Structures are given as structure tokens and as C-alpha cells.
Amino acid sequence: MDNTKENQPRVVNKSGTLKMEDNVAATKPTRDMGGRRMNRRDNRRGRGRGRDEGPKEFDSITISIDRVSRTVKGGRRMRFKALVAIGDHKNRIGVGVAKGSDVTTAVQKATNKAKKDMITFNLAKETIWHEVETKATGATVMMKPAAPGTGIIAGNVIRSIVGLTGIKNLVSKSLGSTNKVNIAYAVIEGLRQQTPRSEWTTTKNLKKTEKKSEKKENK
């Protein structure tokens, strides 16, 4: 009779039970506390790595996160307010503001609101069509078209929003209030007011005068 197994040293756990060998443990089914059999999940680390995530339609940026408080009966109620801008790096842009009990909830709400309030503006290659000055509450924003190679000359809020569009050259100045929410809405309004050159009133009048002069010459 072979006594090699009996002569092998036995490994005892801290609880006093014998430790199971690795090759035996691999064949044993795992069970939960109720005695039900559980399926082994050996590929937990690789979960989600093989997913084919398509290209993102929109890109978003969180401009600011502020903590706000509201005085209620029994004390103060603390919440968070997030300002988020979303765009497609072409001619679609949106801004959203929302509050939430935590930062993640506030950012998610603001992102959803920005998607709902997205606008499509007229883009002149890599700049805007004309100079515009818009006002939102106490904030006034002035934007001017710039030559190629100028870049975006703007403050933090305006740069963050314009960076999500196809605009590469712009000169802007923020006047009046420094409230980030008001500045953001003023920028959106300025982009909304962009009109192509073919629809300018002066261009239409110029075409009419040219037609009249052509008729007179033909006579």
C-alpha cells in the first residue's frame, strides 16, 4: 500500500480545517450562502473591453460647478449647480444649467438640458459671418470675425463654448457682468443671430441697384 499521501504534510487553515488543494478546488462548484450553485465568472476583468463604442456624436465640457444653499425649516439645504456646454465641433451648440443633490446628478441633468436646447447656427468656414453684440441679463458679449491663423481670443467661458464648434478664428470681449451663466447664454444668442452674407440687407439692396442699372443700360 502506497503511503505517500499520508506522508504529505497537511496545510491547516486558521479556522482549523484542512486547506483544499488547487487542482481539487478548481473542480468544485461554487455555492452561495443558501447552498445554490453559482456559475464561475473567470472573465470578470475583461468585461467591457471588447465593446465596440462608436464615435461620439457630441462632445461636452463642464464649465463650472457651484455649491448653492437654500434655507428651509430646520436648517440649510445644500445642492450643486452645474453649467455644461455640448457641441459637435461643427455648427451645433447648446448650453444647459441644472441643480442636483450631488455633482454627478447636476452634470447629467445639465447635459440633458443642453441637448434639448441645442441650436444650429450659420458658420463662415472657420469664423463667424459678422460682428455681433448680445446681452443676457447683465452680461454683454461682443464677437468679431477674424482672419485665418488668429485663433480664438476670448475668456474662459467663451473659449470653452466656441471650442465645441467649428470656429477656429474669433475675437471676443465680455463686458458687464462676470456671471458665467449669463455669459454663456449671451454667446449662444450671438451665434444664433449669425446671418449669411447672401441674406444681408445691404447685399440685397446692392443686387437691386445692379439690376436697375443693367436695365437702364439695355434701354
C-alpha atoms as a PDB file:
ATOM      1  CA  MET A   1       0.000   0.000   0.000  1.00  0.00           C
ATOM      2  CA  ASP A   2       1.264   3.422  -1.008  1.00  0.00           C
ATOM      3  CA  ASN A   3       1.560   5.727   1.978  1.00  0.00           C
ATOM      4  CA  THR A   4       2.833   8.770   0.035  1.00  0.00           C
ATOM      5  CA  LYS A   5      -0.455  10.663   0.542  1.00  0.00           C
ATOM      6  CA  GLU A   6      -0.387  10.035   4.254  1.00  0.00           C
ATOM      7  CA  ASN A   7       3.216  11.198   4.479  1.00  0.00           C
ATOM      8  CA  GLN A   8       2.460  14.505   2.696  1.00  0.00           C
ATOM      9  CA  PRO A   9       2.249  17.495   5.062  1.00  0.00           C
ATOM     10  CA  ARG A  10      -1.261  18.774   5.638  1.00  0.00           C
ATOM     11  CA  VAL A  11      -1.936  22.516   5.444  1.00  0.00           C
ATOM     12  CA  VAL A  12      -4.383  23.666   8.084  1.00  0.00           C
ATOM     13  CA  ASN A  13      -6.273  26.991   7.819  1.00  0.00           C
ATOM     14  CA  LYS A  14      -6.647  29.422  10.717  1.00  0.00           C
ATOM     15  CA  SER A  15     -10.113  28.014  11.359  1.00  0.00           C
ATOM     16  CA  GLY A  16      -8.629  24.558  11.925  1.00  0.00           C
ATOM     17  CA  THR A  17      -9.888  22.948   8.700  1.00  0.00           C
ATOM     18  CA  LEU A  18      -7.720  21.317   6.065  1.00  0.00           C
ATOM     19  CA  LYS A  19      -6.809  23.501   3.105  1.00  0.00           C
ATOM     20  CA  MET A  20      -8.060  22.175  -0.228  1.00  0.00           C
ATOM     21  CA  GLU A  21      -5.507  21.694  -2.998  1.00  0.00           C
ATOM     22  CA  ASP A  22      -5.719  23.981  -6.041  1.00  0.00           C
ATOM     23  CA  ASN A  23      -6.472  21.253  -8.558  1.00  0.00           C
ATOM     24  CA  VAL A  24      -9.300  19.940  -6.368  1.00  0.00           C
ATOM     25  CA  ALA A  25     -10.716  23.418  -5.729  1.00  0.00           C
ATOM     26  CA  ALA A  26     -10.909  24.092  -9.472  1.00  0.00           C
ATOM     27  CA  THR A  27     -13.289  21.166  -9.951  1.00  0.00           C
ATOM     28  CA  LYS A  28     -15.544  22.013  -7.014  1.00  0.00           C
ATOM     29  CA  PRO A  29     -18.729  24.012  -7.830  1.00  0.00           C
ATOM     30  CA  THR A  30     -19.115  27.314  -6.016  1.00  0.00           C
ATOM     31  CA  ARG A  31     -22.241  27.805  -3.940  1.00  0.00           C
ATOM     32  CA  ASP A  32     -23.834  30.805  -2.248  1.00  0.00           C
ATOM     33  CA  MET A  33     -24.881  31.069   1.389  1.00  0.00           C
ATOM     34  CA  GLY A  34     -28.187  29.353   0.607  1.00  0.00           C
ATOM     35  CA  GLY A  35     -26.443  26.359  -0.923  1.00  0.00           C
ATOM     36  CA  ARG A  36     -27.429  27.242  -4.504  1.00  0.00           C
ATOM     37  CA  ARG A  37     -24.885  26.584  -7.218  1.00  0.00           C
ATOM     38  CA  MET A  38     -23.177  29.638  -8.720  1.00  0.00           C
ATOM     39  CA  ASN A  39     -21.590  29.949 -12.142  1.00  0.00           C
ATOM     40  CA  ARG A  40     -17.909  30.820 -12.109  1.00  0.00           C
ATOM     41  CA  ARG A  41     -17.025  34.127 -13.711  1.00  0.00           C
ATOM     42  CA  ASP A  42     -13.397  33.913 -14.680  1.00  0.00           C
ATOM     43  CA  ASN A  43     -13.547  36.687 -17.288  1.00  0.00           C
ATOM     44  CA  ARG A  44     -14.588  39.496 -14.974  1.00  0.00           C
ATOM     45  CA  ARG A  45     -11.514  41.582 -15.734  1.00  0.00           C
ATOM     46  CA  GLY A  46     -12.167  41.509 -19.471  1.00  0.00           C
ATOM     47  CA  ARG A  47     -15.744  42.704 -19.223  1.00  0.00           C
ATOM     48  CA  GLY A  48     -16.474  45.735 -21.347  1.00  0.00           C
ATOM     49  CA  ARG A  49     -13.102  45.781 -23.114  1.00  0.00           C
ATOM     50  CA  GLY A  50     -14.398  44.209 -26.299  1.00  0.00           C
ATOM     51  CA  ARG A  51     -17.347  46.517 -26.676  1.00  0.00           C
ATOM     52  CA  ASP A  52     -17.472  48.452 -29.900  1.00  0.00           C
ATOM     53  CA  GLU A  53     -18.099  52.010 -28.827  1.00  0.00           C
ATOM     54  CA  GLY A  54     -18.970  54.086 -31.860  1.00  0.00           C
ATOM     55  CA  PRO A  55     -17.806  57.674 -32.362  1.00  0.00           C
ATOM     56  CA  LYS A  56     -19.430  60.203 -30.053  1.00  0.00           C
ATOM     57  CA  GLU A  57     -21.957  62.426 -31.773  1.00  0.00           C
ATOM     58  CA  PHE A  58     -21.439  65.305 -29.343  1.00  0.00           C
ATOM     59  CA  ASP A  59     -18.620  66.436 -27.121  1.00  0.00           C
ATOM     60  CA  SER A  60     -19.359  68.104 -23.787  1.00  0.00           C
ATOM     61  CA  ILE A  61     -17.452  70.214 -21.288  1.00  0.00           C
ATOM     62  CA  THR A  62     -18.328  71.209 -17.731  1.00  0.00           C
ATOM     63  CA  ILE A  63     -17.698  74.939 -17.477  1.00  0.00           C
ATOM     64  CA  SER A  64     -18.425  75.436 -13.780  1.00  0.00           C
ATOM     65  CA  ILE A  65     -19.790  73.666 -10.702  1.00  0.00           C
ATOM     66  CA  ASP A  66     -21.094  75.787  -7.827  1.00  0.00           C
ATOM     67  CA  ARG A  67     -22.441  74.826  -4.424  1.00  0.00           C
ATOM     68  CA  VAL A  68     -25.700  76.561  -3.625  1.00  0.00           C
ATOM     69  CA  SER A  69     -27.705  76.547  -0.413  1.00  0.00           C
ATOM     70  CA  ARG A  70     -31.344  77.094   0.356  1.00  0.00           C
ATOM     71  CA  THR A  71     -32.594  77.983   3.818  1.00  0.00           C
ATOM     72  CA  VAL A  72     -35.516  75.773   4.853  1.00  0.00           C
ATOM     73  CA  LYS A  73     -37.220  74.959   8.091  1.00  0.00           C
ATOM     74  CA  GLY A  74     -34.665  73.183  10.226  1.00  0.00           C
ATOM     75  CA  GLY A  75     -31.509  74.417   8.546  1.00  0.00           C
ATOM     76  CA  ARG A  76     -29.862  74.798   5.155  1.00  0.00           C
ATOM     77  CA  ARG A  77     -30.279  72.547   2.163  1.00  0.00           C
ATOM     78  CA  MET A  78     -27.049  72.189   0.156  1.00  0.00           C
ATOM     79  CA  ARG A  79     -27.144  71.430  -3.564  1.00  0.00           C
ATOM     80  CA  PHE A  80     -24.849  71.697  -6.586  1.00  0.00           C
ATOM     81  CA  LYS A  81     -25.348  73.725  -9.768  1.00  0.00           C
ATOM     82  CA  ALA A  82     -23.567  72.714 -12.995  1.00  0.00           C
ATOM     83  CA  LEU A  83     -23.075  74.655 -16.232  1.00  0.00           C
ATOM     84  CA  VAL A  84     -22.424  72.338 -19.200  1.00  0.00           C
ATOM     85  CA  ALA A  85     -21.849  73.081 -22.901  1.00  0.00           C
ATOM     86  CA  ILE A  86     -22.250  70.472 -25.648  1.00  0.00           C
ATOM     87  CA  GLY A  87     -21.398  70.633 -29.353  1.00  0.00           C
ATOM     88  CA  ASP A  88     -20.460  68.626 -32.443  1.00  0.00           C
ATOM     89  CA  HIS A  89     -17.386  70.696 -33.476  1.00  0.00           C
ATOM     90  CA  LYS A  90     -19.356  71.966 -36.489  1.00  0.00           C
ATOM     91  CA  ASN A  91     -22.354  74.305 -36.310  1.00  0.00           C
ATOM     92  CA  ARG A  92     -24.424  72.824 -33.476  1.00  0.00           C
ATOM     93  CA  ILE A  93     -24.038  74.028 -29.884  1.00  0.00           C
ATOM     94  CA  GLY A  94     -26.059  74.008 -26.681  1.00  0.00           C
ATOM     95  CA  VAL A  95     -25.763  75.159 -23.072  1.00  0.00           C
ATOM     96  CA  GLY A  96     -27.573  73.786 -20.027  1.00  0.00           C
ATOM     97  CA  VAL A  97     -27.782  74.685 -16.340  1.00  0.00           C
ATOM     98  CA  ALA A  98     -29.207  72.346 -13.710  1.00  0.00           C
ATOM     99  CA  LYS A  99     -29.093  71.592  -9.990  1.00  0.00           C
ATOM    100  CA  GLY A 100     -28.743  68.283  -8.201  1.00  0.00           C
ATOM    101  CA  SER A 101     -28.143  66.726  -4.816  1.00  0.00           C
ATOM    102  CA  ASP A 102     -24.641  65.699  -5.935  1.00  0.00           C
ATOM    103  CA  VAL A 103     -22.208  66.734  -8.672  1.00  0.00           C
ATOM    104  CA  THR A 104     -22.876  63.739 -10.936  1.00  0.00           C
ATOM    105  CA  THR A 105     -26.628  64.298 -10.925  1.00  0.00           C
ATOM    106  CA  ALA A 106     -26.251  68.019 -11.613  1.00  0.00           C
ATOM    107  CA  VAL A 107     -23.887  67.437 -14.553  1.00  0.00           C
ATOM    108  CA  GLN A 108     -26.157  64.764 -16.040  1.00  0.00           C
ATOM    109  CA  LYS A 109     -29.228  66.993 -15.788  1.00  0.00           C
ATOM    110  CA  ALA A 110     -27.368  69.931 -17.318  1.00  0.00           C
ATOM    111  CA  THR A 111     -26.116  67.747 -20.197  1.00  0.00           C
ATOM    112  CA  ASN A 112     -29.636  66.539 -20.980  1.00  0.00           C
ATOM    113  CA  LYS A 113     -30.926  70.109 -20.898  1.00  0.00           C
ATOM    114  CA  ALA A 114     -28.139  71.265 -23.223  1.00  0.00           C
ATOM    115  CA  LYS A 115     -29.062  68.535 -25.718  1.00  0.00           C
ATOM    116  CA  LYS A 116     -32.684  69.678 -25.722  1.00  0.00           C
ATOM    117  CA  ASP A 117     -31.773  73.345 -26.200  1.00  0.00           C
ATOM    118  CA  MET A 118     -29.196  72.865 -28.971  1.00  0.00           C
ATOM    119  CA  ILE A 119     -29.150  75.390 -31.818  1.00  0.00           C
ATOM    120  CA  THR A 120     -27.787  75.281 -35.363  1.00  0.00           C
ATOM    121  CA  PHE A 121     -26.034  78.485 -36.444  1.00  0.00           C
ATOM    122  CA  ASN A 122     -24.539  79.710 -39.716  1.00  0.00           C
ATOM    123  CA  LEU A 123     -20.800  79.146 -39.933  1.00  0.00           C
ATOM    124  CA  ALA A 124     -18.488  81.022 -42.329  1.00  0.00           C
ATOM    125  CA  LYS A 125     -15.728  78.448 -42.916  1.00  0.00           C
ATOM    126  CA  GLU A 126     -13.756  78.761 -39.639  1.00  0.00           C
ATOM    127  CA  THR A 127     -15.159  82.014 -38.262  1.00  0.00           C
ATOM    128  CA  ILE A 128     -18.442  83.916 -37.891  1.00  0.00           C
ATOM    129  CA  TRP A 129     -20.116  85.963 -40.619  1.00  0.00           C
ATOM    130  CA  HIS A 130     -20.247  89.375 -38.977  1.00  0.00           C
ATOM    131  CA  GLU A 131     -19.706  91.318 -35.778  1.00  0.00           C
ATOM    132  CA  VAL A 132     -22.384  90.881 -33.142  1.00  0.00           C
ATOM    133  CA  GLU A 133     -23.038  92.216 -29.649  1.00  0.00           C
ATOM    134  CA  THR A 134     -25.584  90.399 -27.485  1.00  0.00           C
ATOM    135  CA  LYS A 135     -26.823  90.867 -23.954  1.00  0.00           C
ATOM    136  CA  ALA A 136     -28.175  88.340 -21.466  1.00  0.00           C
ATOM    137  CA  THR A 137     -29.379  89.899 -18.222  1.00  0.00           C
ATOM    138  CA  GLY A 138     -26.321  91.878 -17.035  1.00  0.00           C
ATOM    139  CA  ALA A 139     -23.692  90.265 -19.269  1.00  0.00           C
ATOM    140  CA  THR A 140     -22.769  91.682 -22.679  1.00  0.00           C
ATOM    141  CA  VAL A 141     -20.635  89.751 -25.172  1.00  0.00           C
ATOM    142  CA  MET A 142     -19.092  91.194 -28.327  1.00  0.00           C
ATOM    143  CA  MET A 143     -17.766  88.845 -31.032  1.00  0.00           C
ATOM    144  CA  LYS A 144     -15.937  89.703 -34.249  1.00  0.00           C
ATOM    145  CA  PRO A 145     -14.772  87.541 -37.180  1.00  0.00           C
ATOM    146  CA  ALA A 146     -11.022  87.082 -37.511  1.00  0.00           C
ATOM    147  CA  ALA A 147      -8.556  86.198 -40.260  1.00  0.00           C
ATOM    148  CA  PRO A 148      -7.176  82.659 -40.602  1.00  0.00           C
ATOM    149  CA  GLY A 149      -4.413  81.978 -38.099  1.00  0.00           C
ATOM    150  CA  THR A 150      -5.713  84.375 -35.449  1.00  0.00           C
ATOM    151  CA  GLY A 151      -7.108  81.677 -33.180  1.00  0.00           C
ATOM    152  CA  ILE A 152      -9.756  82.146 -30.511  1.00  0.00           C
ATOM    153  CA  ILE A 153      -9.079  85.292 -28.491  1.00  0.00           C
ATOM    154  CA  ALA A 154     -11.625  85.054 -25.680  1.00  0.00           C
ATOM    155  CA  GLY A 155     -12.165  84.495 -21.998  1.00  0.00           C
ATOM    156  CA  ASN A 156     -12.576  81.166 -20.260  1.00  0.00           C
ATOM    157  CA  VAL A 157     -16.353  80.723 -20.734  1.00  0.00           C
ATOM    158  CA  ILE A 158     -16.462  81.953 -24.337  1.00  0.00           C
ATOM    159  CA  ARG A 159     -13.428  79.850 -25.262  1.00  0.00           C
ATOM    160  CA  SER A 160     -14.993  76.724 -23.755  1.00  0.00           C
ATOM    161  CA  ILE A 161     -18.218  77.150 -25.742  1.00  0.00           C
ATOM    162  CA  VAL A 162     -16.645  78.234 -29.044  1.00  0.00           C
ATOM    163  CA  GLY A 163     -14.142  75.366 -28.766  1.00  0.00           C
ATOM    164  CA  LEU A 164     -17.025  72.898 -29.197  1.00  0.00           C
ATOM    165  CA  THR A 165     -17.945  74.415 -32.576  1.00  0.00           C
ATOM    166  CA  GLY A 166     -16.151  74.600 -35.919  1.00  0.00           C
ATOM    167  CA  ILE A 167     -14.964  78.154 -35.227  1.00  0.00           C
ATOM    168  CA  LYS A 168     -11.147  78.414 -35.256  1.00  0.00           C
ATOM    169  CA  ASN A 169     -10.662  82.190 -35.554  1.00  0.00           C
ATOM    170  CA  LEU A 170     -12.590  84.661 -33.392  1.00  0.00           C
ATOM    171  CA  VAL A 171     -12.046  87.840 -31.412  1.00  0.00           C
ATOM    172  CA  SER A 172     -14.410  88.450 -28.495  1.00  0.00           C
ATOM    173  CA  LYS A 173     -14.793  90.565 -25.402  1.00  0.00           C
ATOM    174  CA  SER A 174     -17.011  90.088 -22.352  1.00  0.00           C
ATOM    175  CA  LEU A 175     -18.491  93.300 -20.943  1.00  0.00           C
ATOM    176  CA  GLY A 176     -20.566  93.984 -17.855  1.00  0.00           C
ATOM    177  CA  SER A 177     -21.426  91.112 -15.536  1.00  0.00           C
ATOM    178  CA  THR A 178     -18.971  88.268 -14.911  1.00  0.00           C
ATOM    179  CA  ASN A 179     -21.723  85.722 -14.237  1.00  0.00           C
ATOM    180  CA  LYS A 180     -20.735  82.600 -16.189  1.00  0.00           C
ATOM    181  CA  VAL A 181     -24.319  81.507 -16.884  1.00  0.00           C
ATOM    182  CA  ASN A 182     -25.272  84.886 -18.363  1.00  0.00           C
ATOM    183  CA  ILE A 183     -22.104  84.999 -20.470  1.00  0.00           C
ATOM    184  CA  ALA A 184     -22.807  81.505 -21.810  1.00  0.00           C
ATOM    185  CA  TYR A 185     -26.358  82.405 -22.853  1.00  0.00           C
ATOM    186  CA  ALA A 186     -25.113  85.648 -24.441  1.00  0.00           C
ATOM    187  CA  VAL A 187     -22.641  83.656 -26.559  1.00  0.00           C
ATOM    188  CA  ILE A 188     -25.392  81.268 -27.691  1.00  0.00           C
ATOM    189  CA  GLU A 189     -27.598  84.210 -28.655  1.00  0.00           C
ATOM    190  CA  GLY A 190     -24.752  85.798 -30.610  1.00  0.00           C
ATOM    191  CA  LEU A 191     -24.190  82.605 -32.592  1.00  0.00           C
ATOM    192  CA  ARG A 192     -27.927  82.285 -33.197  1.00  0.00           C
ATOM    193  CA  GLN A 193     -28.001  85.760 -34.778  1.00  0.00           C
ATOM    194  CA  GLN A 194     -25.369  84.931 -37.392  1.00  0.00           C
ATOM    195  CA  THR A 195     -26.725  85.603 -40.888  1.00  0.00           C
ATOM    196  CA  PRO A 196     -25.015  84.532 -44.158  1.00  0.00           C
ATOM    197  CA  ARG A 197     -23.727  87.243 -46.479  1.00  0.00           C
ATOM    198  CA  SER A 198     -26.340  86.414 -49.110  1.00  0.00           C
ATOM    199  CA  GLU A 199     -29.115  87.379 -46.669  1.00  0.00           C
ATOM    200  CA  TRP A 200     -27.668  90.731 -45.588  1.00  0.00           C
ATOM    201  CA  THR A 201     -29.916  93.726 -46.244  1.00  0.00           C
ATOM    202  CA  THR A 202     -27.071  95.729 -47.810  1.00  0.00           C
ATOM    203  CA  THR A 203     -26.285  92.855 -50.181  1.00  0.00           C
ATOM    204  CA  LYS A 204     -29.923  92.629 -51.281  1.00  0.00           C
ATOM    205  CA  ASN A 205     -30.089  96.384 -51.909  1.00  0.00           C
ATOM    206  CA  LEU A 206     -26.817  96.220 -53.855  1.00  0.00           C
ATOM    207  CA  LYS A 207     -28.224  93.479 -56.091  1.00  0.00           C
ATOM    208  CA  LYS A 208     -31.377  95.530 -56.745  1.00  0.00           C
ATOM    209  CA  THR A 209     -29.370  98.603 -57.746  1.00  0.00           C
ATOM    210  CA  GLU A 210     -27.188  96.495 -60.029  1.00  0.00           C
ATOM    211  CA  LYS A 211     -30.269  95.070 -61.748  1.00  0.00           C
ATOM    212  CA  LYS A 212     -31.750  98.547 -62.222  1.00  0.00           C
ATOM    213  CA  SER A 213     -28.500  99.856 -63.716  1.00  0.00           C
ATOM    214  CA  GLU A 214     -28.364  96.875 -66.096  1.00  0.00           C
ATOM    215  CA  LYS A 215     -31.915  97.580 -67.283  1.00  0.00           C
ATOM    216  CA  LYS A 216     -31.102 101.230 -67.933  1.00  0.00           C
ATOM    217  CA  GLU A 217     -28.007 100.290 -69.953  1.00  0.00           C
ATOM    218  CA  ASN A 218     -30.030  97.812 -72.024  1.00  0.00           C
ATOM    219  CA  LYS A 219     -32.581 100.511 -72.874  1.00  0.00           C
END
